[in-house]
């Protein structure tokens, strides 16, 4: 799904384990309780997305844009957040 346009997608509870999501546009997407563990979200656009209780364990969010995202009880254990933008 590299570079896919998933703006505003409702992915509530989706299982995206080990997904290749590099450069994907997930701005304003609903990822509440989604499983993105071990996924590659490098340079993904997650601006203004809903990440409540999402699982990003061991995921790569290298240079991802998370500005304006709602992040409540999300799991980023061992995730690569190098260069990620939060504000």
C-alpha atoms as a PDB file:
ATOM      1  CA  UNK A   1       0.000   0.000   0.000  1.00  0.00           C
ATOM      2  CA  UNK A   2       3.010   2.276  -0.353  1.00  0.00           C
ATOM      3  CA  UNK A   3       1.863   5.828  -1.037  1.00  0.00           C
ATOM      4  CA  UNK A   4      -1.858   4.956  -0.882  1.00  0.00           C
ATOM      5  CA  UNK A   5      -4.430   7.662  -0.173  1.00  0.00           C
ATOM      6  CA  UNK A   6      -6.411   6.561   2.880  1.00  0.00           C
ATOM      7  CA  UNK A   7      -7.414  10.042   4.039  1.00  0.00           C
ATOM      8  CA  UNK A   8     -10.350   9.913   6.426  1.00  0.00           C
ATOM      9  CA  UNK A   9     -10.607   6.108   6.249  1.00  0.00           C
ATOM     10  CA  UNK A  10     -12.441   4.357   9.076  1.00  0.00           C
ATOM     11  CA  UNK A  11     -10.010   1.603  10.069  1.00  0.00           C
ATOM     12  CA  UNK A  12     -11.376   1.147  13.580  1.00  0.00           C
ATOM     13  CA  UNK A  13     -10.167  -2.190  14.972  1.00  0.00           C
ATOM     14  CA  UNK A  14      -8.396  -3.120  11.712  1.00  0.00           C
ATOM     15  CA  UNK A  15      -5.572  -5.660  11.749  1.00  0.00           C
ATOM     16  CA  UNK A  16      -2.674  -4.215   9.748  1.00  0.00           C
ATOM     17  CA  UNK A  17       0.085  -6.268  11.376  1.00  0.00           C
ATOM     18  CA  UNK A  18       3.359  -6.059   9.386  1.00  0.00           C
ATOM     19  CA  UNK A  19       1.713  -3.840   6.753  1.00  0.00           C
ATOM     20  CA  UNK A  20       3.871  -1.890   4.299  1.00  0.00           C
ATOM     21  CA  UNK A  21       2.436   1.615   4.696  1.00  0.00           C
ATOM     22  CA  UNK A  22       5.427   3.747   3.764  1.00  0.00           C
ATOM     23  CA  UNK A  23       4.397   7.229   2.530  1.00  0.00           C
ATOM     24  CA  UNK A  24       0.683   6.431   3.040  1.00  0.00           C
ATOM     25  CA  UNK A  25      -1.715   9.326   3.648  1.00  0.00           C
ATOM     26  CA  UNK A  26      -3.746   8.420   6.742  1.00  0.00           C
ATOM     27  CA  UNK A  27      -4.601  12.008   7.639  1.00  0.00           C
ATOM     28  CA  UNK A  28      -7.914  12.265   9.514  1.00  0.00           C
ATOM     29  CA  UNK A  29      -8.170   8.453   9.542  1.00  0.00           C
ATOM     30  CA  UNK A  30      -9.803   6.637  12.439  1.00  0.00           C
ATOM     31  CA  UNK A  31      -7.352   4.019  13.703  1.00  0.00           C
ATOM     32  CA  UNK A  32      -8.940   3.490  17.112  1.00  0.00           C
ATOM     33  CA  UNK A  33      -7.918   0.049  18.450  1.00  0.00           C
ATOM     34  CA  UNK A  34      -6.172  -0.807  15.152  1.00  0.00           C
ATOM     35  CA  UNK A  35      -3.245  -3.229  15.232  1.00  0.00           C
ATOM     36  CA  UNK A  36      -0.304  -1.771  13.294  1.00  0.00           C
ATOM     37  CA  UNK A  37       2.365  -3.735  15.142  1.00  0.00           C
ATOM     38  CA  UNK A  38       5.568  -4.347  13.179  1.00  0.00           C
ATOM     39  CA  UNK A  39       4.252  -2.189  10.314  1.00  0.00           C
ATOM     40  CA  UNK A  40       6.315   0.246   8.263  1.00  0.00           C
ATOM     41  CA  UNK A  41       4.722   3.691   8.485  1.00  0.00           C
ATOM     42  CA  UNK A  42       7.885   5.570   7.523  1.00  0.00           C
ATOM     43  CA  UNK A  43       7.073   9.073   6.293  1.00  0.00           C
ATOM     44  CA  UNK A  44       3.336   8.359   6.642  1.00  0.00           C
ATOM     45  CA  UNK A  45       0.942  11.269   7.063  1.00  0.00           C
ATOM     46  CA  UNK A  46      -1.092  10.677  10.232  1.00  0.00           C
ATOM     47  CA  UNK A  47      -2.103  14.311  10.754  1.00  0.00           C
ATOM     48  CA  UNK A  48      -5.337  14.780  12.691  1.00  0.00           C
ATOM     49  CA  UNK A  49      -5.898  11.011  12.901  1.00  0.00           C
ATOM     50  CA  UNK A  50      -7.546   9.158  15.797  1.00  0.00           C
ATOM     51  CA  UNK A  51      -5.032   6.753  17.380  1.00  0.00           C
ATOM     52  CA  UNK A  52      -6.821   5.908  20.631  1.00  0.00           C
ATOM     53  CA  UNK A  53      -5.672   2.495  21.921  1.00  0.00           C
ATOM     54  CA  UNK A  54      -3.894   1.724  18.619  1.00  0.00           C
ATOM     55  CA  UNK A  55      -1.042  -0.804  18.710  1.00  0.00           C
ATOM     56  CA  UNK A  56       2.224   0.393  17.131  1.00  0.00           C
ATOM     57  CA  UNK A  57       4.552  -2.088  18.909  1.00  0.00           C
ATOM     58  CA  UNK A  58       7.789  -2.582  16.974  1.00  0.00           C
ATOM     59  CA  UNK A  59       6.439  -0.401  14.144  1.00  0.00           C
ATOM     60  CA  UNK A  60       8.540   2.068  12.176  1.00  0.00           C
ATOM     61  CA  UNK A  61       7.156   5.604  12.247  1.00  0.00           C
ATOM     62  CA  UNK A  62      10.440   7.122  11.058  1.00  0.00           C
ATOM     63  CA  UNK A  63       9.755  10.705   9.894  1.00  0.00           C
ATOM     64  CA  UNK A  64       5.960  10.177  10.221  1.00  0.00           C
ATOM     65  CA  UNK A  65       3.778  13.276  10.610  1.00  0.00           C
ATOM     66  CA  UNK A  66       1.553  12.937  13.687  1.00  0.00           C
ATOM     67  CA  UNK A  67       0.637  16.609  14.117  1.00  0.00           C
ATOM     68  CA  UNK A  68      -2.829  17.058  15.562  1.00  0.00           C
ATOM     69  CA  UNK A  69      -3.332  13.313  16.071  1.00  0.00           C
ATOM     70  CA  UNK A  70      -5.384  12.169  19.042  1.00  0.00           C
ATOM     71  CA  UNK A  71      -3.089   9.743  20.866  1.00  0.00           C
ATOM     72  CA  UNK A  72      -4.687   8.217  23.969  1.00  0.00           C
ATOM     73  CA  UNK A  73      -3.451   4.930  25.479  1.00  0.00           C
ATOM     74  CA  UNK A  74      -1.687   3.971  22.230  1.00  0.00           C
ATOM     75  CA  UNK A  75       1.118   1.398  22.484  1.00  0.00           C
ATOM     76  CA  UNK A  76       4.434   2.525  20.970  1.00  0.00           C
ATOM     77  CA  UNK A  77       6.634  -0.022  22.790  1.00  0.00           C
ATOM     78  CA  UNK A  78       9.867  -0.504  20.815  1.00  0.00           C
ATOM     79  CA  UNK A  79       8.512   1.588  17.916  1.00  0.00           C
ATOM     80  CA  UNK A  80      10.982   3.658  15.868  1.00  0.00           C
ATOM     81  CA  UNK A  81       9.841   7.273  16.212  1.00  0.00           C
ATOM     82  CA  UNK A  82      13.094   8.763  14.900  1.00  0.00           C
ATOM     83  CA  UNK A  83      12.319  12.104  13.308  1.00  0.00           C
ATOM     84  CA  UNK A  84       8.560  11.769  13.841  1.00  0.00           C
ATOM     85  CA  UNK A  85       6.753  15.110  14.001  1.00  0.00           C
ATOM     86  CA  UNK A  86       4.236  15.610  16.811  1.00  0.00           C
ATOM     87  CA  UNK A  87       3.840  19.421  16.938  1.00  0.00           C
END
